[in-house]
Every structure is written in C-alpha cells, then in structure tokens.
Amino acid sequence: MKKPRLFTIGYEGADLDRFLTTLQDAGVAVLADVRAVALSRKRGFSKSALREALSQREIGYDHFIRLGTPKEGRQAARAGDAAMMKRIYCEEVLTTPEAEEAFEQLADLAQQQPVCLLCFERDPAICHRRILSDRLRDRGMQVVDLTVV
C-alpha cells in the first residue's frame, strides 16, 4: 500500500503565482495553514486572499490556528534561535488539548488526500512545520518539502 503523501511549504520570498503553481504541480488538494496569525504583509498570503487564490486553482484551504507558533516562538525564530522556538512550540502548544485535537484533525485530513502544511519560513528545518511533519512521518506518511522557485 502506498504511503499517504504530506507536503510542507513556506512562502518567504515567494511570488504568489509561482507558489500556487508549485502546489498545483505537486498535486496538493488542501493547504493546511499552520500559522497562528493568518495575516501577512506579503500580498496574497493573508487568509482570505489566499483562500480565494487557492479556490481558483481548485485547492482547498483549512486554517489550523491551534497548531500555530505563539508570539514568543515567532520572536525566537526571527532572532535566529530555532531551538528556543522548538522548545516553546513543543512545551507550550503541542501539549494543550486543543492542539492535540487539531493535530488529530490534520492527521485525518492528510490520510484522506494530499495536504500541504503552510508557514512563512522558507527553510522547513527551522520552522514548526518540521515538528508537525515529523510527527506525521512517524504515523507512516511520506513527507515532501516543497520550495517555490
């Protein structure tokens, strides 16, 4: 039996059209937004605009707000302290019942169709989506990190 495929992507430095084409070319059915705050200074990447652009490409959108990194974690990441961001995320977010429930919903969705985790950070190794994708990999999913070129 083929493993379900999970994608991850960051939009840092990305052009919206190329971003959407990357998702489409990979066969993504649903973009799972794992940002705590689904707003962006980058045009087209705020929740409503992104949802609309995705729908025009027949890609679904779901915001998993409870899986987002809190402000302190985002500040640590911006300061270059990925270890602190990961500690905050694992200890303060993933241990909550709300995050556990959201993670199970995400896992169920990803078992049913190709899902892509979205956050800002271009490099998945220093983003909380790596933590989420590793946990889903442990459940038998094949993980592919997408890069917008």
Protein backbone atom coordinates (compact mmCIF):
# COMPACT_ATOMS: atom_id res chain seq x y z
CA MET A 1 0.00 0.00 0.00
CA LYS A 2 1.29 3.44 -0.92
CA LYS A 3 2.05 5.83 1.94
CA PRO A 4 -0.06 8.99 2.09
CA ARG A 5 1.96 11.97 0.98
CA LEU A 6 2.26 15.14 3.06
CA PHE A 7 3.87 18.31 1.75
CA THR A 8 5.25 21.35 3.53
CA ILE A 9 5.90 24.81 2.10
CA GLY A 10 6.99 28.26 3.24
CA TYR A 11 6.14 31.43 1.36
CA GLU A 12 9.09 33.56 2.47
CA GLY A 13 10.40 35.32 -0.63
CA ALA A 14 7.82 33.63 -2.85
CA ASP A 15 5.78 35.06 -5.69
CA LEU A 16 2.08 34.16 -5.27
CA ASP A 17 1.63 32.76 -8.77
CA ARG A 18 4.74 30.57 -8.52
CA PHE A 19 3.65 29.48 -5.04
CA LEU A 20 0.25 28.37 -6.36
CA THR A 21 1.82 26.64 -9.36
CA THR A 22 4.18 24.74 -7.04
CA LEU A 23 1.20 23.46 -5.03
CA GLN A 24 -0.74 22.56 -8.15
CA ASP A 25 2.19 20.77 -9.79
CA ALA A 26 2.69 18.69 -6.62
CA GLY A 27 -0.96 17.61 -6.63
CA VAL A 28 -1.87 19.30 -3.34
CA ALA A 29 -5.61 19.06 -2.59
CA VAL A 30 -5.71 21.10 0.64
CA LEU A 31 -3.39 23.76 2.03
CA ALA A 32 -3.25 23.44 5.82
CA ASP A 33 -2.31 26.85 7.17
CA VAL A 34 -0.47 26.27 10.47
CA ARG A 35 0.24 29.93 11.20
CA ALA A 36 -1.07 31.28 14.49
CA VAL A 37 -1.92 34.52 12.70
CA ALA A 38 -3.05 34.03 9.12
CA LEU A 39 -2.17 37.56 8.10
CA SER A 40 0.79 38.60 6.02
CA ARG A 41 2.41 41.80 4.85
CA LYS A 42 3.16 39.88 1.67
CA ARG A 43 0.37 40.48 -0.82
CA GLY A 44 -1.86 37.48 -1.44
CA PHE A 45 -0.79 35.45 1.59
CA SER A 46 -3.36 36.63 4.13
CA LYS A 47 -6.11 34.14 4.89
CA SER A 48 -8.99 35.49 2.76
CA ALA A 49 -6.90 36.41 -0.28
CA LEU A 50 -5.01 33.12 -0.12
CA ARG A 51 -8.20 31.08 0.21
CA GLU A 52 -9.64 32.84 -2.86
CA ALA A 53 -6.48 32.33 -4.93
CA LEU A 54 -6.36 28.66 -3.94
CA SER A 55 -10.02 28.12 -4.83
CA GLN A 56 -9.34 29.42 -8.33
CA ARG A 57 -6.81 26.57 -8.65
CA GLU A 58 -9.24 24.07 -7.08
CA ILE A 59 -7.13 23.70 -3.94
CA GLY A 60 -8.85 23.72 -0.56
CA TYR A 61 -7.80 25.80 2.44
CA ASP A 62 -8.02 24.99 6.14
CA HIS A 63 -6.60 27.13 8.95
CA PHE A 64 -5.26 25.12 11.89
CA ILE A 65 -4.85 28.10 14.19
CA ARG A 66 -4.28 25.91 17.26
CA LEU A 67 -1.15 24.48 15.63
CA GLY A 68 0.43 27.90 15.14
CA THR A 69 3.55 29.16 16.88
CA PRO A 70 2.83 31.69 19.66
CA LYS A 71 4.32 35.18 19.58
CA GLU A 72 7.27 34.23 21.80
CA GLY A 73 8.15 31.36 19.48
CA ARG A 74 7.95 33.57 16.40
CA GLN A 75 10.18 36.14 18.11
CA ALA A 76 12.74 33.43 18.92
CA ALA A 77 12.69 32.25 15.30
CA ARG A 78 13.19 35.80 13.99
CA ALA A 79 16.12 36.17 16.39
CA GLY A 80 17.68 33.03 14.89
CA ASP A 81 17.03 30.84 17.94
CA ALA A 82 15.33 27.82 16.36
CA ALA A 83 15.99 25.70 19.45
CA MET A 84 14.05 28.14 21.63
CA MET A 85 11.22 28.29 19.09
CA LYS A 86 11.00 24.49 19.07
CA ARG A 87 11.06 24.30 22.88
CA ILE A 88 8.26 26.86 23.17
CA TYR A 89 6.24 25.11 20.49
CA CYS A 90 6.62 21.61 21.90
CA GLU A 91 6.13 22.58 25.54
CA GLU A 92 3.52 25.32 25.28
CA VAL A 93 1.50 24.46 22.19
CA LEU A 94 1.55 20.76 21.42
CA THR A 95 0.79 19.75 25.00
CA THR A 96 -2.59 21.52 25.02
CA PRO A 97 -5.78 19.53 24.44
CA GLU A 98 -6.79 22.00 21.71
CA ALA A 99 -3.57 21.43 19.79
CA GLU A 100 -3.82 17.66 20.25
CA GLU A 101 -7.34 17.74 18.80
CA ALA A 102 -6.26 19.97 15.90
CA PHE A 103 -3.32 17.66 15.18
CA GLU A 104 -5.64 14.65 15.02
CA GLN A 105 -7.91 16.53 12.61
CA LEU A 106 -4.88 17.38 10.48
CA ALA A 107 -3.69 13.76 10.54
CA ASP A 108 -7.13 12.51 9.49
CA LEU A 109 -7.29 15.02 6.64
CA ALA A 110 -3.79 14.09 5.46
CA GLN A 111 -4.73 10.40 5.40
CA GLN A 112 -7.59 11.18 3.02
CA GLN A 113 -5.95 13.50 0.49
CA PRO A 114 -2.69 15.29 -0.35
CA VAL A 115 -2.22 18.06 2.23
CA CYS A 116 0.47 20.74 2.40
CA LEU A 117 1.46 22.46 5.64
CA LEU A 118 1.95 26.21 5.22
CA CYS A 119 4.00 28.66 7.26
CA PHE A 120 6.14 31.68 6.41
CA GLU A 121 9.66 30.29 6.92
CA ARG A 122 11.28 29.10 3.69
CA ASP A 123 13.56 26.56 5.41
CA PRO A 124 11.45 23.79 6.98
CA ALA A 125 14.32 22.73 9.24
CA ILE A 126 13.90 25.87 11.34
CA CYS A 127 10.10 26.03 11.23
CA HIS A 128 7.47 24.40 13.42
CA ARG A 129 6.06 22.64 10.37
CA ARG A 130 9.08 20.31 10.64
CA ILE A 131 7.88 19.26 14.09
CA LEU A 132 4.40 18.58 12.73
CA SER A 133 5.64 16.78 9.61
CA ASP A 134 7.99 14.60 11.68
CA ARG A 135 5.06 13.53 13.85
CA LEU A 136 3.03 12.70 10.76
CA ARG A 137 6.00 10.85 9.26
CA ASP A 138 6.03 8.75 12.44
CA ARG A 139 2.48 7.76 11.54
CA GLY A 140 3.63 6.41 8.19
CA MET A 141 3.32 9.43 5.94
CA GLN A 142 5.80 10.29 3.24
CA VAL A 143 6.88 13.93 3.70
CA VAL A 144 7.99 16.16 0.83
CA ASP A 145 9.24 19.70 1.43
CA LEU A 146 8.29 21.96 -1.46
CA THR A 147 10.30 25.01 -2.46
CA VAL A 148 8.96 27.84 -4.59
CA VAL A 149 11.42 28.63 -7.38
